[in-house]
Amino acid sequence: MSQLQKLLALICLCSLLVSLIGCARHESDEKYFLVATNLQIPYWRTAAAGFMQSAGQLKVRVEVVGPDSFDPKAEQQAFQKAVQGKATGILISAGDPNVLKDDINRAIAAGVPVITIDSDAPSSKRLFFIGTNNYEAGKSGGQRLATELKGKGNVVVFTMPEQTNLSRRA
């Protein structure tokens, strides 16, 4: 498991625990959702494993949902189903913050706590964001690359420009 994957698993665990601070006991009918941008990539599989492990320790129910490829509309539908499924709380990586903003706001208004992880929806009413400052991560990566290349050479970057957190890194 890479350092990044370990960090994400830790972030998910911490997010769940932070959302539960102050709760001495949990009811067996509590259900938390992790809504991922792409369930098929190892990054989110690792996060799901950590999320499920935490749920077992806390004796709460969880579900990991989201599309099998990057599809903001499908992620939005998964989020909406989580809210309709009487979620106790939701962690979400907002693949497209503009698509999810109103749904996050409606969930918050309905009393469902929503925390963004990995990719934020800063204009929504989410409780808070846990993740990387993607602009600074990209800047740091670029500086490291320039140092390693000693200021000379060509670089190719593979990314998904429609995914906000990735475009900020670029």
N, C-alpha and C. Protein backbone atom coordinates (compact mmCIF):
# COMPACT_ATOMS: atom_id res chain seq x y z
N MET A 1 0.86 -1.17 0.00
CA MET A 1 0.00 0.00 0.00
C MET A 1 0.90 1.23 0.00
N SER A 2 0.63 2.17 -0.90
CA SER A 2 1.45 3.38 -1.00
C SER A 2 1.17 4.32 0.17
N GLN A 3 2.07 5.28 0.36
CA GLN A 3 1.88 6.27 1.41
C GLN A 3 0.59 7.05 1.20
N LEU A 4 0.29 7.37 -0.06
CA LEU A 4 -0.92 8.12 -0.37
C LEU A 4 -2.16 7.31 0.00
N GLN A 5 -2.14 6.02 -0.29
CA GLN A 5 -3.29 5.18 0.05
C GLN A 5 -3.45 5.07 1.56
N LYS A 6 -2.33 4.94 2.28
CA LYS A 6 -2.39 4.88 3.74
C LYS A 6 -2.95 6.18 4.30
N LEU A 7 -2.52 7.30 3.72
CA LEU A 7 -3.00 8.59 4.17
C LEU A 7 -4.49 8.73 3.94
N LEU A 8 -4.98 8.28 2.79
CA LEU A 8 -6.41 8.38 2.52
C LEU A 8 -7.21 7.52 3.49
N ALA A 9 -6.74 6.31 3.77
CA ALA A 9 -7.44 5.44 4.71
C ALA A 9 -7.50 6.12 6.08
N LEU A 10 -6.40 6.75 6.49
CA LEU A 10 -6.37 7.46 7.76
C LEU A 10 -7.32 8.65 7.74
N ILE A 11 -7.36 9.38 6.64
CA ILE A 11 -8.27 10.52 6.53
C ILE A 11 -9.72 10.07 6.67
N CYS A 12 -10.06 8.96 5.99
CA CYS A 12 -11.43 8.46 6.08
C CYS A 12 -11.78 8.05 7.50
N LEU A 13 -10.85 7.36 8.15
CA LEU A 13 -11.07 6.95 9.53
C LEU A 13 -11.26 8.17 10.41
N CYS A 14 -10.36 9.15 10.27
CA CYS A 14 -10.45 10.36 11.08
C CYS A 14 -11.74 11.13 10.80
N SER A 15 -12.13 11.19 9.54
CA SER A 15 -13.36 11.89 9.18
C SER A 15 -14.55 11.26 9.88
N LEU A 16 -14.61 9.95 9.84
CA LEU A 16 -15.71 9.26 10.50
C LEU A 16 -15.68 9.52 11.99
N LEU A 17 -14.51 9.41 12.59
CA LEU A 17 -14.40 9.61 14.03
C LEU A 17 -14.72 11.04 14.43
N VAL A 18 -14.24 12.01 13.65
CA VAL A 18 -14.53 13.41 13.95
C VAL A 18 -16.03 13.66 13.89
N SER A 19 -16.70 13.07 12.92
CA SER A 19 -18.14 13.29 12.79
C SER A 19 -18.91 12.68 13.96
N LEU A 20 -18.26 11.81 14.69
CA LEU A 20 -18.93 11.12 15.79
C LEU A 20 -18.49 11.60 17.16
N ILE A 21 -17.60 12.61 17.21
CA ILE A 21 -17.10 13.09 18.49
C ILE A 21 -18.27 13.50 19.37
N GLY A 22 -18.16 13.15 20.61
CA GLY A 22 -19.22 13.49 21.55
C GLY A 22 -20.26 12.40 21.69
N CYS A 23 -20.22 11.43 20.85
CA CYS A 23 -21.17 10.33 20.92
C CYS A 23 -20.54 9.19 21.72
N ALA A 24 -21.08 8.93 22.89
CA ALA A 24 -20.51 7.86 23.72
C ALA A 24 -20.92 6.49 23.19
N ARG A 25 -22.12 6.40 22.69
CA ARG A 25 -22.63 5.14 22.15
C ARG A 25 -23.21 5.37 20.78
N HIS A 26 -23.24 4.30 20.05
CA HIS A 26 -23.82 4.36 18.72
C HIS A 26 -24.96 3.37 18.66
N GLU A 27 -25.95 3.74 17.91
CA GLU A 27 -27.10 2.87 17.72
C GLU A 27 -26.84 1.97 16.53
N SER A 28 -27.36 0.77 16.58
CA SER A 28 -27.14 -0.18 15.49
C SER A 28 -27.81 0.26 14.20
N ASP A 29 -28.75 1.19 14.29
CA ASP A 29 -29.42 1.65 13.06
C ASP A 29 -28.71 2.84 12.42
N GLU A 30 -27.59 3.30 12.98
CA GLU A 30 -26.83 4.38 12.35
C GLU A 30 -26.21 3.85 11.06
N LYS A 31 -26.27 4.69 10.01
CA LYS A 31 -25.70 4.27 8.74
C LYS A 31 -24.95 5.44 8.11
N TYR A 32 -23.68 5.21 7.85
CA TYR A 32 -22.81 6.21 7.26
C TYR A 32 -22.45 5.80 5.84
N PHE A 33 -22.30 6.79 4.99
CA PHE A 33 -21.98 6.55 3.58
C PHE A 33 -20.66 7.22 3.22
N LEU A 34 -19.89 6.52 2.39
CA LEU A 34 -18.73 7.09 1.72
C LEU A 34 -19.09 7.12 0.25
N VAL A 35 -19.16 8.32 -0.32
CA VAL A 35 -19.48 8.47 -1.74
C VAL A 35 -18.18 8.83 -2.46
N ALA A 36 -17.72 7.91 -3.30
CA ALA A 36 -16.44 8.08 -3.99
C ALA A 36 -16.67 8.48 -5.45
N THR A 37 -15.63 9.06 -6.05
CA THR A 37 -15.73 9.50 -7.44
C THR A 37 -15.54 8.36 -8.44
N ASN A 38 -14.88 7.28 -8.01
CA ASN A 38 -14.61 6.15 -8.92
C ASN A 38 -14.26 4.93 -8.07
N LEU A 39 -15.21 4.04 -7.90
CA LEU A 39 -15.02 2.88 -7.02
C LEU A 39 -13.99 1.88 -7.52
N GLN A 40 -13.60 1.98 -8.76
CA GLN A 40 -12.70 0.97 -9.34
C GLN A 40 -11.21 1.27 -9.18
N ILE A 41 -10.86 2.44 -8.71
CA ILE A 41 -9.43 2.73 -8.59
C ILE A 41 -8.94 2.33 -7.18
N PRO A 42 -7.70 1.88 -7.08
CA PRO A 42 -7.16 1.41 -5.80
C PRO A 42 -7.26 2.44 -4.67
N TYR A 43 -7.13 3.71 -4.99
CA TYR A 43 -7.22 4.78 -4.00
C TYR A 43 -8.53 4.66 -3.20
N TRP A 44 -9.64 4.52 -3.91
CA TRP A 44 -10.93 4.46 -3.24
C TRP A 44 -11.21 3.09 -2.65
N ARG A 45 -10.63 2.04 -3.20
CA ARG A 45 -10.77 0.71 -2.59
C ARG A 45 -10.10 0.69 -1.22
N THR A 46 -8.95 1.33 -1.12
CA THR A 46 -8.25 1.41 0.17
C THR A 46 -9.06 2.23 1.16
N ALA A 47 -9.59 3.35 0.70
CA ALA A 47 -10.41 4.19 1.57
C ALA A 47 -11.63 3.41 2.06
N ALA A 48 -12.26 2.66 1.18
CA ALA A 48 -13.44 1.86 1.54
C ALA A 48 -13.08 0.83 2.59
N ALA A 49 -11.93 0.20 2.45
CA ALA A 49 -11.51 -0.82 3.42
C ALA A 49 -11.34 -0.18 4.81
N GLY A 50 -10.71 0.97 4.87
CA GLY A 50 -10.54 1.66 6.15
C GLY A 50 -11.87 2.11 6.74
N PHE A 51 -12.75 2.57 5.89
CA PHE A 51 -14.09 3.01 6.31
C PHE A 51 -14.85 1.83 6.92
N MET A 52 -14.81 0.70 6.25
CA MET A 52 -15.52 -0.49 6.74
C MET A 52 -14.90 -1.02 8.03
N GLN A 53 -13.60 -0.99 8.12
CA GLN A 53 -12.94 -1.44 9.34
C GLN A 53 -13.35 -0.56 10.52
N SER A 54 -13.39 0.75 10.32
CA SER A 54 -13.81 1.67 11.37
C SER A 54 -15.25 1.39 11.79
N ALA A 55 -16.08 1.12 10.83
CA ALA A 55 -17.49 0.84 11.13
C ALA A 55 -17.62 -0.40 12.01
N GLY A 56 -16.84 -1.40 11.71
CA GLY A 56 -16.87 -2.62 12.52
C GLY A 56 -16.47 -2.33 13.96
N GLN A 57 -15.48 -1.50 14.14
CA GLN A 57 -15.03 -1.16 15.49
C GLN A 57 -16.07 -0.33 16.23
N LEU A 58 -16.78 0.53 15.51
CA LEU A 58 -17.79 1.39 16.13
C LEU A 58 -19.17 0.74 16.18
N LYS A 59 -19.29 -0.41 15.53
CA LYS A 59 -20.55 -1.15 15.47
C LYS A 59 -21.69 -0.32 14.86
N VAL A 60 -21.35 0.31 13.73
CA VAL A 60 -22.34 1.05 12.95
C VAL A 60 -22.35 0.46 11.55
N ARG A 61 -23.40 0.74 10.81
CA ARG A 61 -23.50 0.26 9.44
C ARG A 61 -22.92 1.31 8.49
N VAL A 62 -22.30 0.82 7.42
CA VAL A 62 -21.76 1.72 6.41
C VAL A 62 -22.03 1.17 5.02
N GLU A 63 -21.97 2.08 4.08
CA GLU A 63 -22.08 1.69 2.68
C GLU A 63 -21.16 2.59 1.86
N VAL A 64 -20.45 1.98 0.94
CA VAL A 64 -19.57 2.71 0.04
C VAL A 64 -20.27 2.72 -1.32
N VAL A 65 -20.51 3.91 -1.85
CA VAL A 65 -21.26 4.04 -3.10
C VAL A 65 -20.55 5.01 -4.03
N GLY A 66 -20.93 4.96 -5.29
CA GLY A 66 -20.39 5.86 -6.29
C GLY A 66 -20.26 5.14 -7.62
N PRO A 67 -19.89 5.85 -8.65
CA PRO A 67 -19.78 5.26 -9.98
C PRO A 67 -18.51 4.41 -10.13
N ASP A 68 -18.51 3.57 -11.15
CA ASP A 68 -17.35 2.73 -11.47
C ASP A 68 -16.36 3.42 -12.39
N SER A 69 -16.63 4.66 -12.75
CA SER A 69 -15.71 5.49 -13.52
C SER A 69 -16.06 6.94 -13.16
N PHE A 70 -15.18 7.86 -13.54
CA PHE A 70 -15.45 9.26 -13.20
C PHE A 70 -16.69 9.74 -13.94
N ASP A 71 -17.75 9.99 -13.18
CA ASP A 71 -19.04 10.40 -13.74
C ASP A 71 -19.76 11.23 -12.68
N PRO A 72 -19.59 12.55 -12.70
CA PRO A 72 -20.19 13.41 -11.67
C PRO A 72 -21.70 13.25 -11.52
N LYS A 73 -22.42 13.03 -12.61
CA LYS A 73 -23.87 12.86 -12.51
C LYS A 73 -24.22 11.56 -11.78
N ALA A 74 -23.47 10.50 -12.06
CA ALA A 74 -23.70 9.23 -11.37
C ALA A 74 -23.32 9.35 -9.89
N GLU A 75 -22.27 10.12 -9.61
CA GLU A 75 -21.90 10.35 -8.21
C GLU A 75 -23.01 11.14 -7.51
N GLN A 76 -23.58 12.11 -8.20
CA GLN A 76 -24.69 12.88 -7.64
C GLN A 76 -25.87 11.96 -7.31
N GLN A 77 -26.19 11.05 -8.21
CA GLN A 77 -27.29 10.11 -7.96
C GLN A 77 -26.99 9.22 -6.76
N ALA A 78 -25.75 8.77 -6.62
CA ALA A 78 -25.37 7.94 -5.46
C ALA A 78 -25.51 8.75 -4.17
N PHE A 79 -25.12 10.02 -4.21
CA PHE A 79 -25.26 10.88 -3.05
C PHE A 79 -26.74 11.06 -2.68
N GLN A 80 -27.57 11.32 -3.69
CA GLN A 80 -29.00 11.49 -3.45
C GLN A 80 -29.62 10.24 -2.83
N LYS A 81 -29.22 9.07 -3.31
CA LYS A 81 -29.72 7.81 -2.74
C LYS A 81 -29.27 7.63 -1.29
N ALA A 82 -28.05 8.07 -0.98
CA ALA A 82 -27.56 7.99 0.39
C ALA A 82 -28.42 8.85 1.31
N VAL A 83 -28.74 10.06 0.87
CA VAL A 83 -29.59 10.94 1.67
C VAL A 83 -30.97 10.31 1.84
N GLN A 84 -31.53 9.79 0.75
CA GLN A 84 -32.85 9.15 0.81
C GLN A 84 -32.82 7.89 1.67
N GLY A 85 -31.63 7.26 1.77
CA GLY A 85 -31.47 6.05 2.57
C GLY A 85 -31.31 6.34 4.04
N LYS A 86 -31.66 7.53 4.46
CA LYS A 86 -31.62 7.93 5.87
C LYS A 86 -30.20 7.87 6.44
N ALA A 87 -29.26 8.47 5.73
CA ALA A 87 -27.87 8.49 6.18
C ALA A 87 -27.75 9.23 7.50
N THR A 88 -26.95 8.67 8.38
CA THR A 88 -26.61 9.34 9.63
C THR A 88 -25.55 10.40 9.36
N GLY A 89 -24.69 10.12 8.38
CA GLY A 89 -23.65 11.05 7.96
C GLY A 89 -23.05 10.60 6.65
N ILE A 90 -22.49 11.55 5.89
CA ILE A 90 -21.93 11.23 4.57
C ILE A 90 -20.56 11.87 4.42
N LEU A 91 -19.62 11.05 3.94
CA LEU A 91 -18.32 11.52 3.47
C LEU A 91 -18.37 11.49 1.96
N ILE A 92 -17.93 12.56 1.31
CA ILE A 92 -17.97 12.58 -0.15
C ILE A 92 -16.76 13.31 -0.72
N SER A 93 -16.22 12.75 -1.78
CA SER A 93 -15.21 13.42 -2.58
C SER A 93 -15.96 14.03 -3.75
N ALA A 94 -16.08 15.33 -3.76
CA ALA A 94 -16.92 16.01 -4.75
C ALA A 94 -16.20 16.06 -6.10
N GLY A 95 -16.51 15.13 -6.97
CA GLY A 95 -15.91 15.08 -8.31
C GLY A 95 -16.16 16.36 -9.09
N ASP A 96 -17.36 16.89 -8.98
CA ASP A 96 -17.71 18.18 -9.58
C ASP A 96 -18.49 18.97 -8.54
N PRO A 97 -17.85 19.89 -7.85
CA PRO A 97 -18.52 20.64 -6.78
C PRO A 97 -19.77 21.37 -7.23
N ASN A 98 -19.80 21.83 -8.47
CA ASN A 98 -20.97 22.55 -8.96
C ASN A 98 -22.18 21.64 -9.10
N VAL A 99 -21.95 20.40 -9.49
CA VAL A 99 -23.04 19.44 -9.62
C VAL A 99 -23.59 19.06 -8.25
N LEU A 100 -22.72 18.98 -7.24
CA LEU A 100 -23.11 18.47 -5.92
C LEU A 100 -23.53 19.54 -4.92
N LYS A 101 -23.24 20.79 -5.19
CA LYS A 101 -23.48 21.86 -4.22
C LYS A 101 -24.90 21.87 -3.67
N ASP A 102 -25.89 21.90 -4.53
CA ASP A 102 -27.28 21.99 -4.06
C ASP A 102 -27.70 20.74 -3.29
N ASP A 103 -27.22 19.58 -3.72
CA ASP A 103 -27.56 18.34 -3.02
C ASP A 103 -26.93 18.32 -1.63
N ILE A 104 -25.70 18.78 -1.52
CA ILE A 104 -25.04 18.85 -0.21
C ILE A 104 -25.81 19.82 0.68
N ASN A 105 -26.19 20.97 0.14
CA ASN A 105 -26.94 21.95 0.92
C ASN A 105 -28.28 21.40 1.39
N ARG A 106 -28.96 20.65 0.53
CA ARG A 106 -30.24 20.04 0.93
C ARG A 106 -30.03 18.99 2.03
N ALA A 107 -28.97 18.22 1.92
CA ALA A 107 -28.68 17.21 2.95
C ALA A 107 -28.42 17.89 4.30
N ILE A 108 -27.62 18.93 4.28
CA ILE A 108 -27.33 19.67 5.52
C ILE A 108 -28.63 20.24 6.10
N ALA A 109 -29.46 20.83 5.25
CA ALA A 109 -30.74 21.40 5.70
C ALA A 109 -31.65 20.32 6.29
N ALA A 110 -31.52 19.09 5.81
CA ALA A 110 -32.33 17.97 6.31
C ALA A 110 -31.71 17.34 7.56
N GLY A 111 -30.57 17.88 8.00
CA GLY A 111 -29.94 17.38 9.22
C GLY A 111 -28.94 16.25 9.01
N VAL A 112 -28.54 16.02 7.76
CA VAL A 112 -27.55 14.99 7.47
C VAL A 112 -26.18 15.64 7.39
N PRO A 113 -25.27 15.33 8.33
CA PRO A 113 -23.93 15.91 8.27
C PRO A 113 -23.18 15.43 7.03
N VAL A 114 -22.55 16.37 6.33
CA VAL A 114 -21.77 16.04 5.13
C VAL A 114 -20.38 16.64 5.30
N ILE A 115 -19.37 15.78 5.11
CA ILE A 115 -17.97 16.19 5.17
C ILE A 115 -17.37 15.85 3.82
N THR A 116 -16.69 16.82 3.21
CA THR A 116 -16.00 16.54 1.95
C THR A 116 -14.58 16.08 2.25
N ILE A 117 -14.14 15.09 1.46
CA ILE A 117 -12.78 14.56 1.61
C ILE A 117 -12.16 14.48 0.22
N ASP A 118 -10.86 14.65 0.15
CA ASP A 118 -10.09 14.52 -1.07
C ASP A 118 -10.37 15.63 -2.07
N SER A 119 -11.62 15.87 -2.43
CA SER A 119 -11.99 16.93 -3.35
C SER A 119 -13.16 17.70 -2.74
N ASP A 120 -12.99 18.98 -2.58
CA ASP A 120 -13.92 19.81 -1.82
C ASP A 120 -15.06 20.37 -2.67
N ALA A 121 -16.08 20.84 -1.98
CA ALA A 121 -17.17 21.62 -2.56
C ALA A 121 -17.27 22.87 -1.68
N PRO A 122 -16.31 23.79 -1.81
CA PRO A 122 -16.19 24.90 -0.87
C PRO A 122 -17.37 25.86 -0.84
N SER A 123 -18.12 25.96 -1.92
CA SER A 123 -19.26 26.88 -1.91
C SER A 123 -20.53 26.23 -1.36
N SER A 124 -20.43 24.96 -0.97
CA SER A 124 -21.58 24.28 -0.36
C SER A 124 -21.57 24.55 1.15
N LYS A 125 -22.57 24.04 1.82
CA LYS A 125 -22.67 24.18 3.27
C LYS A 125 -22.12 22.96 4.00
N ARG A 126 -21.24 22.19 3.32
CA ARG A 126 -20.64 21.02 3.98
C ARG A 126 -20.02 21.47 5.30
N LEU A 127 -19.91 20.52 6.25
CA LEU A 127 -19.40 20.89 7.56
C LEU A 127 -17.95 21.35 7.50
N PHE A 128 -17.12 20.56 6.81
CA PHE A 128 -15.73 20.93 6.61
C PHE A 128 -15.10 20.00 5.58
N PHE A 129 -13.90 20.33 5.18
CA PHE A 129 -13.14 19.57 4.19
C PHE A 129 -11.90 18.99 4.84
N ILE A 130 -11.63 17.73 4.56
CA ILE A 130 -10.39 17.09 4.99
C ILE A 130 -9.69 16.62 3.73
N GLY A 131 -8.48 17.12 3.49
CA GLY A 131 -7.76 16.70 2.31
C GLY A 131 -6.57 17.60 2.04
N THR A 132 -6.03 17.41 0.88
CA THR A 132 -4.84 18.11 0.44
C THR A 132 -5.18 19.48 -0.12
N ASN A 133 -4.31 20.45 0.12
CA ASN A 133 -4.39 21.71 -0.60
C ASN A 133 -3.79 21.40 -1.97
N ASN A 134 -4.64 21.15 -2.94
CA ASN A 134 -4.18 20.66 -4.23
C ASN A 134 -3.31 21.66 -4.98
N TYR A 135 -3.56 22.94 -4.85
CA TYR A 135 -2.71 23.93 -5.50
C TYR A 135 -1.29 23.83 -4.94
N GLU A 136 -1.17 23.78 -3.61
CA GLU A 136 0.15 23.69 -2.98
C GLU A 136 0.83 22.36 -3.31
N ALA A 137 0.06 21.28 -3.39
CA ALA A 137 0.64 19.98 -3.75
C ALA A 137 1.20 20.02 -5.17
N GLY A 138 0.47 20.64 -6.10
CA GLY A 138 0.96 20.78 -7.47
C GLY A 138 2.18 21.65 -7.56
N LYS A 139 2.17 22.73 -6.80
CA LYS A 139 3.31 23.65 -6.77
C LYS A 139 4.54 22.92 -6.22
N SER A 140 4.37 22.21 -5.14
CA SER A 140 5.48 21.46 -4.54
C SER A 140 6.00 20.38 -5.50
N GLY A 141 5.08 19.69 -6.15
CA GLY A 141 5.49 18.67 -7.13
C GLY A 141 6.24 19.28 -8.29
N GLY A 142 5.79 20.43 -8.76
CA GLY A 142 6.47 21.12 -9.86
C GLY A 142 7.87 21.57 -9.47
N GLN A 143 7.99 22.07 -8.25
CA GLN A 143 9.32 22.49 -7.77
C GLN A 143 10.26 21.30 -7.66
N ARG A 144 9.74 20.19 -7.16
CA ARG A 144 10.57 18.98 -7.05
C ARG A 144 10.99 18.49 -8.43
N LEU A 145 10.06 18.51 -9.36
CA LEU A 145 10.35 18.08 -10.73
C LEU A 145 11.43 18.96 -11.36
N ALA A 146 11.31 20.27 -11.17
CA ALA A 146 12.32 21.19 -11.71
C ALA A 146 13.68 20.92 -11.11
N THR A 147 13.71 20.63 -9.82
CA THR A 147 14.98 20.31 -9.16
C THR A 147 15.58 19.02 -9.71
N GLU A 148 14.74 18.00 -9.83
CA GLU A 148 15.22 16.70 -10.32
C GLU A 148 15.71 16.79 -11.77
N LEU A 149 15.04 17.59 -12.58
CA LEU A 149 15.42 17.73 -13.99
C LEU A 149 16.51 18.80 -14.18
N LYS A 150 16.89 19.43 -13.08
CA LYS A 150 17.90 20.50 -13.11
C LYS A 150 17.54 21.59 -14.13
N GLY A 151 16.25 21.89 -14.19
CA GLY A 151 15.78 22.96 -15.04
C GLY A 151 15.72 22.66 -16.52
N LYS A 152 16.01 21.42 -16.93
CA LYS A 152 16.01 21.07 -18.36
C LYS A 152 15.18 19.82 -18.59
N GLY A 153 14.55 19.75 -19.76
CA GLY A 153 13.82 18.54 -20.12
C GLY A 153 12.36 18.82 -20.40
N ASN A 154 11.68 17.78 -20.79
CA ASN A 154 10.25 17.86 -21.10
C ASN A 154 9.47 17.04 -20.09
N VAL A 155 8.26 17.45 -19.86
CA VAL A 155 7.40 16.78 -18.89
C VAL A 155 6.04 16.57 -19.52
N VAL A 156 5.46 15.40 -19.29
CA VAL A 156 4.11 15.10 -19.73
C VAL A 156 3.28 14.86 -18.47
N VAL A 157 2.11 15.46 -18.41
CA VAL A 157 1.22 15.30 -17.27
C VAL A 157 -0.07 14.65 -17.76
N PHE A 158 -0.43 13.54 -17.16
CA PHE A 158 -1.70 12.89 -17.45
C PHE A 158 -2.66 13.26 -16.34
N THR A 159 -3.81 13.78 -16.69
CA THR A 159 -4.78 14.19 -15.70
C THR A 159 -6.18 14.15 -16.29
N MET A 160 -7.14 14.45 -15.47
CA MET A 160 -8.53 14.57 -15.89
C MET A 160 -8.93 16.01 -15.62
N PRO A 161 -8.83 16.90 -16.61
CA PRO A 161 -9.07 18.31 -16.36
C PRO A 161 -10.47 18.63 -15.82
N GLU A 162 -11.43 17.76 -16.06
CA GLU A 162 -12.77 18.03 -15.54
C GLU A 162 -12.89 17.70 -14.05
N GLN A 163 -11.89 17.07 -13.46
CA GLN A 163 -11.91 16.75 -12.03
C GLN A 163 -11.19 17.88 -11.30
N THR A 164 -11.93 18.65 -10.54
CA THR A 164 -11.45 19.89 -9.93
C THR A 164 -10.17 19.73 -9.14
N ASN A 165 -10.10 18.73 -8.26
CA ASN A 165 -8.90 18.61 -7.43
C ASN A 165 -7.66 18.33 -8.28
N LEU A 166 -7.81 17.58 -9.36
CA LEU A 166 -6.67 17.29 -10.22
C LEU A 166 -6.26 18.51 -11.04
N SER A 167 -7.23 19.28 -11.50
CA SER A 167 -6.88 20.48 -12.28
C SER A 167 -6.18 21.51 -11.39
N ARG A 168 -6.52 21.56 -10.12
CA ARG A 168 -5.83 22.48 -9.21
C ARG A 168 -4.37 22.08 -9.02
N ARG A 169 -4.12 20.77 -9.01
CA ARG A 169 -2.72 20.30 -8.88
C ARG A 169 -1.91 20.66 -10.12
N ALA A 170 -2.54 20.58 -11.28
CA ALA A 170 -1.83 20.89 -12.53
C ALA A 170 -1.51 22.36 -12.62
